[in-house]
Amino acid sequence: MVHRSQRSGRGLLGRRIAEVRRAHGWTQEELARRIGIAYKHEQQIEYGNVNISVDLFFLFAERLQVRADILVNPDALEPKRIGRPPKPRTKNLKYQRSRYIGVFGRWGRWYAELTHEGKRVRLGCFDTQRAAAIAYDEAAVRLRGATVRLNFPPG
């Protein structure tokens, strides 16, 4: 069921004000302060529960830095994010992957570690992936025996 405020012009206006406010990264309290109205009144405007005067409508458009038609026209351009651009979404590259078992890279160096009896054993920091992998192999044979999977199997 569609709420009556969503069918009315008030509901559309309130939703558009909320979209533009969020694009600025502002809270309802911050927008109310910028306009000079009570926070609860701004909240009721966004919910579409109250009518607003023409003067207040144009004040909203001015403070939100948009043309007035953007607030009432559902087909108007989507509000663009104003202020800092969003951070690009990337994978967490805290650690570099290595093709060797027990080796990872960080801060331009390569680290070797393994788990023994439920505890992490750090084997050191190395300049190359290969040196870290050799250290892993030596420690793995010493701690787990000859049947362990190695980076450089003998033979």
C-alpha atoms as a PDB file:
ATOM      1  CA  MET A   1       0.000   0.000   0.000  1.00  0.00           C
ATOM      2  CA  VAL A   2       1.330   3.434  -0.933  1.00  0.00           C
ATOM      3  CA  HIS A   3       1.320   6.034   1.827  1.00  0.00           C
ATOM      4  CA  ARG A   4      -0.690   9.155   1.010  1.00  0.00           C
ATOM      5  CA  SER A   5       2.387  11.370   1.335  1.00  0.00           C
ATOM      6  CA  GLN A   6       4.101   9.353  -1.419  1.00  0.00           C
ATOM      7  CA  ARG A   7       1.249  10.116  -3.837  1.00  0.00           C
ATOM      8  CA  SER A   8       1.176  13.823  -3.066  1.00  0.00           C
ATOM      9  CA  GLY A   9       3.428  16.610  -4.250  1.00  0.00           C
ATOM     10  CA  ARG A  10       4.559  17.035  -0.642  1.00  0.00           C
ATOM     11  CA  GLY A  11       5.916  13.490  -0.584  1.00  0.00           C
ATOM     12  CA  LEU A  12       7.775  13.984  -3.855  1.00  0.00           C
ATOM     13  CA  LEU A  13       9.223  17.290  -2.665  1.00  0.00           C
ATOM     14  CA  GLY A  14      10.272  15.752   0.640  1.00  0.00           C
ATOM     15  CA  ARG A  15      11.969  12.789  -1.053  1.00  0.00           C
ATOM     16  CA  ARG A  16      13.840  15.071  -3.464  1.00  0.00           C
ATOM     17  CA  ILE A  17      14.979  17.323  -0.616  1.00  0.00           C
ATOM     18  CA  ALA A  18      16.240  14.247   1.246  1.00  0.00           C
ATOM     19  CA  GLU A  19      18.099  12.962  -1.853  1.00  0.00           C
ATOM     20  CA  VAL A  20      19.846  16.278  -2.443  1.00  0.00           C
ATOM     21  CA  ARG A  21      20.623  16.664   1.270  1.00  0.00           C
ATOM     22  CA  ARG A  22      22.222  13.210   1.306  1.00  0.00           C
ATOM     23  CA  ALA A  23      24.194  14.059  -1.840  1.00  0.00           C
ATOM     24  CA  HIS A  24      25.705  16.955   0.112  1.00  0.00           C
ATOM     25  CA  GLY A  25      26.473  14.564   2.963  1.00  0.00           C
ATOM     26  CA  TRP A  26      24.360  16.605   5.405  1.00  0.00           C
ATOM     27  CA  THR A  27      22.133  15.397   8.220  1.00  0.00           C
ATOM     28  CA  GLN A  28      18.588  16.651   8.685  1.00  0.00           C
ATOM     29  CA  GLU A  29      19.798  18.692  11.647  1.00  0.00           C
ATOM     30  CA  GLU A  30      22.512  20.352   9.570  1.00  0.00           C
ATOM     31  CA  LEU A  31      20.116  21.276   6.760  1.00  0.00           C
ATOM     32  CA  ALA A  32      17.593  22.674   9.256  1.00  0.00           C
ATOM     33  CA  ARG A  33      20.325  24.797  10.818  1.00  0.00           C
ATOM     34  CA  ARG A  34      21.421  26.101   7.403  1.00  0.00           C
ATOM     35  CA  ILE A  35      17.852  27.050   6.523  1.00  0.00           C
ATOM     36  CA  GLY A  36      16.985  28.410   9.952  1.00  0.00           C
ATOM     37  CA  ILE A  37      14.072  26.145  10.826  1.00  0.00           C
ATOM     38  CA  ALA A  38      13.495  23.603  13.571  1.00  0.00           C
ATOM     39  CA  TYR A  39      14.928  20.136  12.959  1.00  0.00           C
ATOM     40  CA  LYS A  40      11.523  18.500  13.538  1.00  0.00           C
ATOM     41  CA  HIS A  41       9.945  20.794  10.945  1.00  0.00           C
ATOM     42  CA  GLU A  42      12.565  19.854   8.357  1.00  0.00           C
ATOM     43  CA  GLN A  43      11.987  16.195   9.213  1.00  0.00           C
ATOM     44  CA  GLN A  44       8.236  16.565   8.666  1.00  0.00           C
ATOM     45  CA  ILE A  45       8.888  18.277   5.311  1.00  0.00           C
ATOM     46  CA  GLU A  46      11.039  15.348   4.162  1.00  0.00           C
ATOM     47  CA  TYR A  47       8.354  12.891   5.295  1.00  0.00           C
ATOM     48  CA  GLY A  48       5.781  14.848   3.267  1.00  0.00           C
ATOM     49  CA  ASN A  49       3.585  15.545   6.298  1.00  0.00           C
ATOM     50  CA  VAL A  50       3.464  19.345   6.057  1.00  0.00           C
ATOM     51  CA  ASN A  51       3.046  21.993   3.387  1.00  0.00           C
ATOM     52  CA  ILE A  52       5.724  24.634   2.937  1.00  0.00           C
ATOM     53  CA  SER A  53       5.503  28.211   1.754  1.00  0.00           C
ATOM     54  CA  VAL A  54       6.878  29.320  -1.597  1.00  0.00           C
ATOM     55  CA  ASP A  55       9.512  31.377   0.223  1.00  0.00           C
ATOM     56  CA  LEU A  56      10.662  28.350   2.198  1.00  0.00           C
ATOM     57  CA  PHE A  57      10.688  26.222  -0.972  1.00  0.00           C
ATOM     58  CA  PHE A  58      13.056  28.643  -2.711  1.00  0.00           C
ATOM     59  CA  LEU A  59      15.164  28.884   0.452  1.00  0.00           C
ATOM     60  CA  PHE A  60      15.573  25.091   0.352  1.00  0.00           C
ATOM     61  CA  ALA A  61      16.663  25.267  -3.293  1.00  0.00           C
ATOM     62  CA  GLU A  62      19.134  28.064  -2.524  1.00  0.00           C
ATOM     63  CA  ARG A  63      20.702  26.369   0.504  1.00  0.00           C
ATOM     64  CA  LEU A  64      20.845  23.002  -1.288  1.00  0.00           C
ATOM     65  CA  GLN A  65      22.511  24.721  -4.256  1.00  0.00           C
ATOM     66  CA  VAL A  66      20.102  23.306  -6.860  1.00  0.00           C
ATOM     67  CA  ARG A  67      17.589  24.748  -9.281  1.00  0.00           C
ATOM     68  CA  ALA A  68      14.046  24.771  -7.933  1.00  0.00           C
ATOM     69  CA  ASP A  69      12.760  22.474 -10.696  1.00  0.00           C
ATOM     70  CA  ILE A  70      15.092  19.700  -9.520  1.00  0.00           C
ATOM     71  CA  LEU A  71      13.192  19.552  -6.239  1.00  0.00           C
ATOM     72  CA  VAL A  72       9.752  19.073  -7.848  1.00  0.00           C
ATOM     73  CA  ASN A  73      10.431  17.288 -11.128  1.00  0.00           C
ATOM     74  CA  PRO A  74      10.940  13.529 -10.726  1.00  0.00           C
ATOM     75  CA  ASP A  75      12.576  13.388 -14.161  1.00  0.00           C
ATOM     76  CA  ALA A  76      15.096  16.116 -13.365  1.00  0.00           C
ATOM     77  CA  LEU A  77      18.754  15.309 -13.188  1.00  0.00           C
ATOM     78  CA  GLU A  78      19.859  13.236 -10.249  1.00  0.00           C
ATOM     79  CA  PRO A  79      21.704  15.296  -7.661  1.00  0.00           C
ATOM     80  CA  LYS A  80      25.446  14.943  -7.917  1.00  0.00           C
ATOM     81  CA  ARG A  81      27.586  14.391  -4.869  1.00  0.00           C
ATOM     82  CA  ILE A  82      28.871  17.736  -3.712  1.00  0.00           C
ATOM     83  CA  GLY A  83      32.043  18.108  -1.707  1.00  0.00           C
ATOM     84  CA  ARG A  84      34.658  15.400  -1.442  1.00  0.00           C
ATOM     85  CA  PRO A  85      34.478  12.791  -4.184  1.00  0.00           C
ATOM     86  CA  PRO A  86      33.745   9.293  -2.907  1.00  0.00           C
ATOM     87  CA  LYS A  87      36.702   6.992  -2.422  1.00  0.00           C
ATOM     88  CA  PRO A  88      37.141   4.548  -5.286  1.00  0.00           C
ATOM     89  CA  ARG A  89      36.117   1.035  -4.382  1.00  0.00           C
ATOM     90  CA  THR A  90      39.114  -1.230  -4.443  1.00  0.00           C
ATOM     91  CA  LYS A  91      40.000  -4.514  -2.912  1.00  0.00           C
ATOM     92  CA  ASN A  92      41.745  -4.381   0.417  1.00  0.00           C
ATOM     93  CA  LEU A  93      45.359  -4.316  -0.694  1.00  0.00           C
ATOM     94  CA  LYS A  94      46.770  -4.320   2.812  1.00  0.00           C
ATOM     95  CA  TYR A  95      48.775  -7.400   1.918  1.00  0.00           C
ATOM     96  CA  GLN A  96      50.262  -8.398  -1.433  1.00  0.00           C
ATOM     97  CA  ARG A  97      49.612 -11.917  -2.588  1.00  0.00           C
ATOM     98  CA  SER A  98      52.426 -14.281  -3.315  1.00  0.00           C
ATOM     99  CA  ARG A  99      52.472 -17.436  -5.371  1.00  0.00           C
ATOM    100  CA  TYR A 100      54.334 -19.186  -2.544  1.00  0.00           C
ATOM    101  CA  ILE A 101      52.815 -20.919   0.478  1.00  0.00           C
ATOM    102  CA  GLY A 102      53.203 -18.982   3.737  1.00  0.00           C
ATOM    103  CA  VAL A 103      54.469 -15.789   2.077  1.00  0.00           C
ATOM    104  CA  PHE A 104      52.826 -12.367   1.880  1.00  0.00           C
ATOM    105  CA  GLY A 105      54.044  -8.906   1.018  1.00  0.00           C
ATOM    106  CA  ARG A 106      53.590  -5.647   2.842  1.00  0.00           C
ATOM    107  CA  TRP A 107      55.333  -2.262   2.666  1.00  0.00           C
ATOM    108  CA  GLY A 108      57.573  -3.453  -0.157  1.00  0.00           C
ATOM    109  CA  ARG A 109      58.948  -6.411   1.819  1.00  0.00           C
ATOM    110  CA  TRP A 110      58.066 -10.119   1.916  1.00  0.00           C
ATOM    111  CA  TYR A 111      57.162 -11.960   5.106  1.00  0.00           C
ATOM    112  CA  ALA A 112      57.075 -15.675   5.866  1.00  0.00           C
ATOM    113  CA  GLU A 113      54.876 -17.248   8.514  1.00  0.00           C
ATOM    114  CA  LEU A 114      53.167 -20.520   9.319  1.00  0.00           C
ATOM    115  CA  THR A 115      50.788 -21.912  11.890  1.00  0.00           C
ATOM    116  CA  HIS A 116      52.039 -24.489  14.364  1.00  0.00           C
ATOM    117  CA  GLU A 117      49.842 -26.010  17.092  1.00  0.00           C
ATOM    118  CA  GLY A 118      47.243 -23.286  16.566  1.00  0.00           C
ATOM    119  CA  LYS A 119      49.682 -20.399  16.904  1.00  0.00           C
ATOM    120  CA  ARG A 120      51.130 -18.168  14.219  1.00  0.00           C
ATOM    121  CA  VAL A 121      54.888 -18.411  13.900  1.00  0.00           C
ATOM    122  CA  ARG A 122      56.460 -15.460  12.125  1.00  0.00           C
ATOM    123  CA  LEU A 123      59.631 -16.413  10.359  1.00  0.00           C
ATOM    124  CA  GLY A 124      60.941 -13.004   9.348  1.00  0.00           C
ATOM    125  CA  CYS A 125      61.090 -10.293   6.749  1.00  0.00           C
ATOM    126  CA  PHE A 126      62.833 -10.793   3.407  1.00  0.00           C
ATOM    127  CA  ASP A 127      63.744  -8.776   0.322  1.00  0.00           C
ATOM    128  CA  THR A 128      62.392 -11.344  -2.157  1.00  0.00           C
ATOM    129  CA  GLN A 129      59.471 -13.740  -2.308  1.00  0.00           C
ATOM    130  CA  ARG A 130      61.860 -16.598  -3.014  1.00  0.00           C
ATOM    131  CA  ALA A 131      63.925 -15.993   0.142  1.00  0.00           C
ATOM    132  CA  ALA A 132      60.742 -15.902   2.242  1.00  0.00           C
ATOM    133  CA  ALA A 133      59.511 -19.123   0.607  1.00  0.00           C
ATOM    134  CA  ILE A 134      62.814 -20.885   1.366  1.00  0.00           C
ATOM    135  CA  ALA A 135      62.586 -19.799   5.017  1.00  0.00           C
ATOM    136  CA  TYR A 136      59.015 -21.134   5.126  1.00  0.00           C
ATOM    137  CA  ASP A 137      60.098 -24.494   3.690  1.00  0.00           C
ATOM    138  CA  GLU A 138      62.932 -24.887   6.213  1.00  0.00           C
ATOM    139  CA  ALA A 139      60.677 -24.063   9.174  1.00  0.00           C
ATOM    140  CA  ALA A 140      57.828 -26.251   7.885  1.00  0.00           C
ATOM    141  CA  VAL A 141      60.087 -29.313   7.605  1.00  0.00           C
ATOM    142  CA  ARG A 142      61.547 -28.612  11.071  1.00  0.00           C
ATOM    143  CA  LEU A 143      58.134 -28.180  12.737  1.00  0.00           C
ATOM    144  CA  ARG A 144      55.837 -30.483  10.748  1.00  0.00           C
ATOM    145  CA  GLY A 145      58.119 -33.156   9.339  1.00  0.00           C
ATOM    146  CA  ALA A 146      59.045 -34.320   5.848  1.00  0.00           C
ATOM    147  CA  THR A 147      55.441 -34.898   4.693  1.00  0.00           C
ATOM    148  CA  VAL A 148      54.508 -31.223   4.664  1.00  0.00           C
ATOM    149  CA  ARG A 149      53.648 -29.442   1.398  1.00  0.00           C
ATOM    150  CA  LEU A 150      56.559 -27.233   0.348  1.00  0.00           C
ATOM    151  CA  ASN A 151      57.194 -24.406  -2.061  1.00  0.00           C
ATOM    152  CA  PHE A 152      60.337 -26.111  -3.406  1.00  0.00           C
ATOM    153  CA  PRO A 153      59.918 -29.869  -3.005  1.00  0.00           C
ATOM    154  CA  PRO A 154      63.157 -31.884  -3.086  1.00  0.00           C
ATOM    155  CA  GLY A 155      63.885 -33.819  -6.231  1.00  0.00           C
END
